[in-house]
Amino acid sequence: MKNEDIKDSLTTLMLTVSEKGYGKRTALAEYAITSRAARVVVNMKTTDRNGSVVATLQVTEESDVMIITEHGKVIRVHAKRNSRSGPLDARCSLLKLDGEDSIAAAAVLQEEDEGEKK
């Protein structure tokens, strides 16, 4: 591995999004490195409050994320808005959901190059 790759991996974050609108941002360096025979690395506890995990995304502090709900609500969220938390926490509400609505999908938006900004 090159030094740049190692440096990038230490600053890279994982954003986990749950179906009930909660999310968390965790540095990849906080996760335990396991062997192939390891059973599981828990990322987020799935509870009645959080719901199941819908997406896990590799983000940076500057990333923007697009979140889409089952009822068609679309919102753009800055990854920095979500507070950092440990591997098992799910503290931050990414968006308020109406009634029976839930998160359907989430995706990281591509950053614009300087040449594209005009």
N, C-alpha and C. Protein backbone atom coordinates (compact mmCIF):
# COMPACT_ATOMS: atom_id res chain seq x y z
N MET A 1 0.83 -1.19 0.00
CA MET A 1 0.00 0.00 0.00
C MET A 1 0.87 1.25 0.00
N LYS A 2 0.44 2.25 -0.73
CA LYS A 2 1.17 3.51 -0.77
C LYS A 2 0.82 4.33 0.47
N ASN A 3 1.73 5.24 0.83
CA ASN A 3 1.50 6.10 2.00
C ASN A 3 0.22 6.92 1.84
N GLU A 4 -0.08 7.38 0.62
CA GLU A 4 -1.29 8.17 0.38
C GLU A 4 -2.55 7.34 0.66
N ASP A 5 -2.52 6.08 0.25
CA ASP A 5 -3.67 5.20 0.48
C ASP A 5 -3.90 4.97 1.97
N ILE A 6 -2.81 4.79 2.70
CA ILE A 6 -2.92 4.59 4.16
C ILE A 6 -3.46 5.84 4.81
N LYS A 7 -2.96 7.01 4.42
CA LYS A 7 -3.42 8.27 4.98
C LYS A 7 -4.91 8.48 4.69
N ASP A 8 -5.34 8.19 3.44
CA ASP A 8 -6.75 8.33 3.08
C ASP A 8 -7.63 7.39 3.88
N SER A 9 -7.18 6.17 4.11
CA SER A 9 -8.00 5.21 4.85
C SER A 9 -8.17 5.62 6.31
N LEU A 10 -7.23 6.35 6.86
CA LEU A 10 -7.34 6.80 8.25
C LEU A 10 -8.31 7.97 8.39
N THR A 11 -8.54 8.72 7.31
CA THR A 11 -9.46 9.86 7.37
C THR A 11 -10.82 9.54 6.77
N THR A 12 -10.96 8.37 6.19
CA THR A 12 -12.23 7.98 5.58
C THR A 12 -13.23 7.60 6.66
N LEU A 13 -14.48 7.94 6.40
CA LEU A 13 -15.56 7.68 7.35
C LEU A 13 -16.59 6.75 6.71
N MET A 14 -17.32 6.04 7.55
CA MET A 14 -18.43 5.22 7.08
C MET A 14 -19.71 5.84 7.63
N LEU A 15 -20.63 6.17 6.73
CA LEU A 15 -21.94 6.68 7.13
C LEU A 15 -22.94 5.53 7.01
N THR A 16 -23.60 5.23 8.11
CA THR A 16 -24.60 4.16 8.13
C THR A 16 -25.97 4.81 8.28
N VAL A 17 -26.92 4.42 7.43
CA VAL A 17 -28.25 5.01 7.41
C VAL A 17 -29.26 3.91 7.74
N SER A 18 -30.16 4.21 8.70
CA SER A 18 -31.19 3.23 9.07
C SER A 18 -32.53 3.60 8.44
N GLU A 19 -33.44 2.64 8.36
CA GLU A 19 -34.71 2.85 7.68
C GLU A 19 -35.62 3.87 8.37
N LYS A 20 -35.40 4.14 9.64
CA LYS A 20 -36.25 5.09 10.36
C LYS A 20 -35.63 6.48 10.44
N GLY A 21 -34.62 6.74 9.61
CA GLY A 21 -34.08 8.09 9.48
C GLY A 21 -32.89 8.42 10.36
N TYR A 22 -32.35 7.45 11.06
CA TYR A 22 -31.19 7.69 11.91
C TYR A 22 -29.91 7.33 11.16
N GLY A 23 -28.83 7.97 11.57
CA GLY A 23 -27.55 7.68 10.94
C GLY A 23 -26.41 7.92 11.88
N LYS A 24 -25.24 7.44 11.49
CA LYS A 24 -24.03 7.66 12.26
C LYS A 24 -22.85 7.66 11.33
N ARG A 25 -21.84 8.42 11.72
CA ARG A 25 -20.60 8.53 10.98
C ARG A 25 -19.49 8.00 11.87
N THR A 26 -18.73 7.05 11.38
CA THR A 26 -17.66 6.45 12.17
C THR A 26 -16.40 6.35 11.32
N ALA A 27 -15.26 6.70 11.92
CA ALA A 27 -13.98 6.56 11.22
C ALA A 27 -13.70 5.08 11.00
N LEU A 28 -13.24 4.74 9.80
CA LEU A 28 -12.94 3.34 9.52
C LEU A 28 -11.87 2.80 10.46
N ALA A 29 -10.98 3.67 10.92
CA ALA A 29 -9.91 3.25 11.82
C ALA A 29 -10.45 2.75 13.17
N GLU A 30 -11.70 3.11 13.52
CA GLU A 30 -12.27 2.67 14.80
C GLU A 30 -12.77 1.22 14.78
N TYR A 31 -12.92 0.65 13.60
CA TYR A 31 -13.41 -0.72 13.50
C TYR A 31 -12.26 -1.70 13.69
N ALA A 32 -12.55 -2.78 14.37
CA ALA A 32 -11.55 -3.81 14.62
C ALA A 32 -11.23 -4.55 13.32
N ILE A 33 -9.97 -4.83 13.11
CA ILE A 33 -9.55 -5.62 11.97
C ILE A 33 -9.62 -7.08 12.38
N THR A 34 -10.34 -7.87 11.59
CA THR A 34 -10.54 -9.27 11.94
C THR A 34 -10.00 -10.18 10.85
N SER A 35 -9.83 -11.42 11.19
CA SER A 35 -9.38 -12.40 10.20
C SER A 35 -10.60 -12.92 9.43
N ARG A 36 -10.35 -13.71 8.44
CA ARG A 36 -11.44 -14.28 7.64
C ARG A 36 -12.39 -15.13 8.47
N ALA A 37 -11.89 -15.75 9.50
CA ALA A 37 -12.71 -16.66 10.30
C ALA A 37 -13.57 -15.95 11.34
N ALA A 38 -13.45 -14.63 11.44
CA ALA A 38 -14.23 -13.89 12.42
C ALA A 38 -15.71 -13.98 12.09
N ARG A 39 -16.54 -14.04 13.11
CA ARG A 39 -17.97 -14.18 12.89
C ARG A 39 -18.61 -12.90 12.37
N VAL A 40 -18.42 -11.78 13.08
CA VAL A 40 -19.14 -10.57 12.69
C VAL A 40 -18.48 -9.33 13.31
N VAL A 41 -18.59 -8.22 12.63
CA VAL A 41 -18.24 -6.92 13.19
C VAL A 41 -19.53 -6.11 13.19
N VAL A 42 -20.02 -5.75 14.37
CA VAL A 42 -21.29 -5.04 14.49
C VAL A 42 -21.06 -3.57 14.17
N ASN A 43 -21.88 -3.05 13.26
CA ASN A 43 -21.76 -1.65 12.86
C ASN A 43 -22.78 -0.78 13.58
N MET A 44 -24.03 -1.18 13.58
CA MET A 44 -25.09 -0.42 14.25
C MET A 44 -26.10 -1.41 14.81
N LYS A 45 -26.52 -1.18 16.03
CA LYS A 45 -27.55 -2.03 16.61
C LYS A 45 -28.88 -1.72 15.94
N THR A 46 -29.56 -2.75 15.50
CA THR A 46 -30.88 -2.54 14.89
C THR A 46 -31.92 -2.75 15.98
N THR A 47 -32.58 -1.66 16.33
CA THR A 47 -33.61 -1.68 17.37
C THR A 47 -34.92 -1.20 16.76
N ASP A 48 -35.99 -1.22 17.55
CA ASP A 48 -37.27 -0.71 17.08
C ASP A 48 -37.16 0.78 16.75
N ARG A 49 -36.34 1.49 17.50
CA ARG A 49 -36.16 2.93 17.28
C ARG A 49 -35.45 3.21 15.96
N ASN A 50 -34.39 2.47 15.65
CA ASN A 50 -33.58 2.71 14.46
C ASN A 50 -34.12 2.04 13.21
N GLY A 51 -34.63 0.84 13.35
CA GLY A 51 -35.00 0.03 12.19
C GLY A 51 -33.76 -0.65 11.63
N SER A 52 -33.92 -1.31 10.49
CA SER A 52 -32.76 -1.99 9.89
C SER A 52 -31.87 -1.01 9.14
N VAL A 53 -30.67 -1.47 8.85
CA VAL A 53 -29.71 -0.66 8.10
C VAL A 53 -30.09 -0.71 6.63
N VAL A 54 -30.19 0.47 6.02
CA VAL A 54 -30.55 0.60 4.61
C VAL A 54 -29.31 0.76 3.76
N ALA A 55 -28.32 1.53 4.25
CA ALA A 55 -27.12 1.79 3.45
C ALA A 55 -25.92 2.04 4.35
N THR A 56 -24.77 1.61 3.89
CA THR A 56 -23.49 1.99 4.49
C THR A 56 -22.66 2.58 3.37
N LEU A 57 -22.19 3.81 3.59
CA LEU A 57 -21.52 4.56 2.54
C LEU A 57 -20.15 5.04 3.01
N GLN A 58 -19.18 5.00 2.13
CA GLN A 58 -17.86 5.55 2.44
C GLN A 58 -17.89 7.02 2.08
N VAL A 59 -17.66 7.88 3.08
CA VAL A 59 -17.75 9.33 2.89
C VAL A 59 -16.52 10.03 3.47
N THR A 60 -16.40 11.32 3.16
CA THR A 60 -15.41 12.19 3.80
C THR A 60 -16.18 13.31 4.49
N GLU A 61 -15.48 14.20 5.15
CA GLU A 61 -16.13 15.34 5.83
C GLU A 61 -16.86 16.23 4.83
N GLU A 62 -16.40 16.27 3.58
CA GLU A 62 -16.96 17.17 2.57
C GLU A 62 -18.06 16.52 1.73
N SER A 63 -18.34 15.25 1.92
CA SER A 63 -19.30 14.53 1.08
C SER A 63 -20.73 15.00 1.31
N ASP A 64 -21.52 14.92 0.23
CA ASP A 64 -22.96 15.12 0.30
C ASP A 64 -23.63 13.79 0.02
N VAL A 65 -24.74 13.55 0.69
CA VAL A 65 -25.47 12.29 0.54
C VAL A 65 -26.91 12.60 0.15
N MET A 66 -27.44 11.85 -0.82
CA MET A 66 -28.83 11.98 -1.23
C MET A 66 -29.60 10.84 -0.58
N ILE A 67 -30.69 11.18 0.12
CA ILE A 67 -31.52 10.18 0.80
C ILE A 67 -32.92 10.22 0.19
N ILE A 68 -33.46 9.04 -0.12
CA ILE A 68 -34.78 8.93 -0.75
C ILE A 68 -35.65 8.05 0.14
N THR A 69 -36.90 8.50 0.38
CA THR A 69 -37.82 7.71 1.21
C THR A 69 -38.77 6.91 0.33
N GLU A 70 -39.48 5.98 0.95
CA GLU A 70 -40.45 5.13 0.26
C GLU A 70 -41.57 5.97 -0.37
N HIS A 71 -41.94 7.09 0.26
CA HIS A 71 -43.03 7.95 -0.24
C HIS A 71 -42.54 9.01 -1.21
N GLY A 72 -41.27 8.95 -1.62
CA GLY A 72 -40.76 9.86 -2.64
C GLY A 72 -40.11 11.14 -2.15
N LYS A 73 -39.93 11.29 -0.87
CA LYS A 73 -39.25 12.47 -0.34
C LYS A 73 -37.75 12.31 -0.62
N VAL A 74 -37.12 13.37 -1.16
CA VAL A 74 -35.69 13.34 -1.48
C VAL A 74 -35.03 14.50 -0.75
N ILE A 75 -33.91 14.22 -0.09
CA ILE A 75 -33.20 15.26 0.64
C ILE A 75 -31.70 15.08 0.46
N ARG A 76 -31.01 16.21 0.35
CA ARG A 76 -29.55 16.20 0.25
C ARG A 76 -29.00 16.60 1.62
N VAL A 77 -28.11 15.79 2.16
CA VAL A 77 -27.57 16.01 3.50
C VAL A 77 -26.05 16.05 3.41
N HIS A 78 -25.43 16.95 4.16
CA HIS A 78 -23.97 16.98 4.24
C HIS A 78 -23.53 15.94 5.26
N ALA A 79 -22.53 15.15 4.93
CA ALA A 79 -22.04 14.11 5.85
C ALA A 79 -21.54 14.74 7.14
N LYS A 80 -21.00 15.96 7.08
CA LYS A 80 -20.47 16.62 8.26
C LYS A 80 -21.58 16.96 9.27
N ARG A 81 -22.82 17.08 8.78
CA ARG A 81 -23.96 17.41 9.66
C ARG A 81 -24.19 16.33 10.70
N ASN A 82 -23.91 15.10 10.34
CA ASN A 82 -24.11 13.97 11.23
C ASN A 82 -22.91 13.85 12.17
N SER A 83 -23.15 13.85 13.47
CA SER A 83 -22.05 13.79 14.42
C SER A 83 -21.33 12.44 14.37
N ARG A 84 -20.04 12.46 14.70
CA ARG A 84 -19.28 11.21 14.76
C ARG A 84 -19.71 10.44 15.98
N SER A 85 -19.74 9.12 15.83
CA SER A 85 -20.10 8.28 16.97
C SER A 85 -19.35 6.97 16.86
N GLY A 86 -19.39 6.24 17.94
CA GLY A 86 -18.68 4.96 18.00
C GLY A 86 -19.37 3.91 17.14
N PRO A 87 -18.75 2.76 17.01
CA PRO A 87 -19.27 1.72 16.13
C PRO A 87 -20.68 1.23 16.43
N LEU A 88 -21.21 1.39 17.62
CA LEU A 88 -22.54 0.85 17.91
C LEU A 88 -23.62 1.92 18.08
N ASP A 89 -23.25 3.18 18.16
CA ASP A 89 -24.23 4.25 18.39
C ASP A 89 -25.02 4.56 17.13
N ALA A 90 -26.21 5.12 17.31
CA ALA A 90 -27.02 5.65 16.21
C ALA A 90 -27.78 6.83 16.77
N ARG A 91 -27.11 7.93 16.96
CA ARG A 91 -27.67 9.06 17.70
C ARG A 91 -28.39 10.09 16.84
N CYS A 92 -27.91 10.35 15.64
CA CYS A 92 -28.33 11.50 14.87
C CYS A 92 -29.50 11.18 13.95
N SER A 93 -30.52 12.03 13.98
CA SER A 93 -31.63 11.89 13.05
C SER A 93 -31.26 12.63 11.77
N LEU A 94 -31.20 11.90 10.66
CA LEU A 94 -30.84 12.51 9.38
C LEU A 94 -32.01 13.28 8.78
N LEU A 95 -33.23 12.77 8.94
CA LEU A 95 -34.41 13.49 8.50
C LEU A 95 -35.63 12.98 9.23
N LYS A 96 -36.63 13.86 9.36
CA LYS A 96 -37.89 13.50 10.03
C LYS A 96 -38.78 12.79 9.02
N LEU A 97 -39.32 11.67 9.42
CA LEU A 97 -40.19 10.90 8.54
C LEU A 97 -41.64 11.07 8.95
N ASP A 98 -42.52 11.10 7.95
CA ASP A 98 -43.96 11.24 8.20
C ASP A 98 -44.59 9.86 8.35
N GLY A 99 -45.34 9.65 9.42
CA GLY A 99 -46.13 8.43 9.61
C GLY A 99 -45.40 7.14 9.33
N GLU A 100 -45.88 6.40 8.33
CA GLU A 100 -45.34 5.08 7.98
C GLU A 100 -44.20 5.14 6.97
N ASP A 101 -43.72 6.33 6.63
CA ASP A 101 -42.63 6.47 5.65
C ASP A 101 -41.34 5.90 6.21
N SER A 102 -40.46 5.43 5.33
CA SER A 102 -39.15 4.92 5.75
C SER A 102 -38.14 5.21 4.65
N ILE A 103 -36.88 5.12 4.99
CA ILE A 103 -35.82 5.38 4.01
C ILE A 103 -35.72 4.20 3.05
N ALA A 104 -35.70 4.50 1.76
CA ALA A 104 -35.60 3.46 0.74
C ALA A 104 -34.17 3.29 0.26
N ALA A 105 -33.42 4.41 0.13
CA ALA A 105 -32.06 4.33 -0.41
C ALA A 105 -31.27 5.57 -0.03
N ALA A 106 -29.96 5.45 -0.11
CA ALA A 106 -29.05 6.57 0.12
C ALA A 106 -27.83 6.37 -0.77
N ALA A 107 -27.29 7.49 -1.27
CA ALA A 107 -26.12 7.41 -2.15
C ALA A 107 -25.25 8.64 -1.95
N VAL A 108 -23.94 8.46 -2.11
CA VAL A 108 -23.00 9.57 -2.02
C VAL A 108 -22.98 10.28 -3.36
N LEU A 109 -23.07 11.61 -3.33
CA LEU A 109 -23.00 12.40 -4.56
C LEU A 109 -21.55 12.62 -4.95
N GLN A 110 -21.26 12.56 -6.23
CA GLN A 110 -19.90 12.79 -6.73
C GLN A 110 -19.53 14.25 -6.53
N GLU A 111 -18.28 14.49 -6.13
CA GLU A 111 -17.79 15.85 -5.97
C GLU A 111 -17.49 16.44 -7.35
N GLU A 112 -17.79 17.74 -7.52
CA GLU A 112 -17.52 18.40 -8.79
C GLU A 112 -16.04 18.75 -8.88
N ASP A 113 -15.49 18.62 -10.10
CA ASP A 113 -14.13 19.09 -10.34
C ASP A 113 -14.15 20.59 -10.51
N GLU A 114 -13.03 21.25 -10.30
CA GLU A 114 -12.94 22.69 -10.46
C GLU A 114 -13.32 23.10 -11.88
N GLY A 115 -13.01 22.28 -12.88
CA GLY A 115 -13.33 22.58 -14.26
C GLY A 115 -14.82 22.54 -14.53
N GLU A 116 -15.57 21.75 -13.78
CA GLU A 116 -17.01 21.63 -13.97
C GLU A 116 -17.77 22.77 -13.31
N LYS A 117 -17.20 23.42 -12.29
CA LYS A 117 -17.88 24.52 -11.60
C LYS A 117 -17.75 25.78 -12.43
N LYS A 118 -18.85 26.26 -12.96
CA LYS A 118 -18.83 27.51 -13.74
C LYS A 118 -20.08 28.28 -13.54
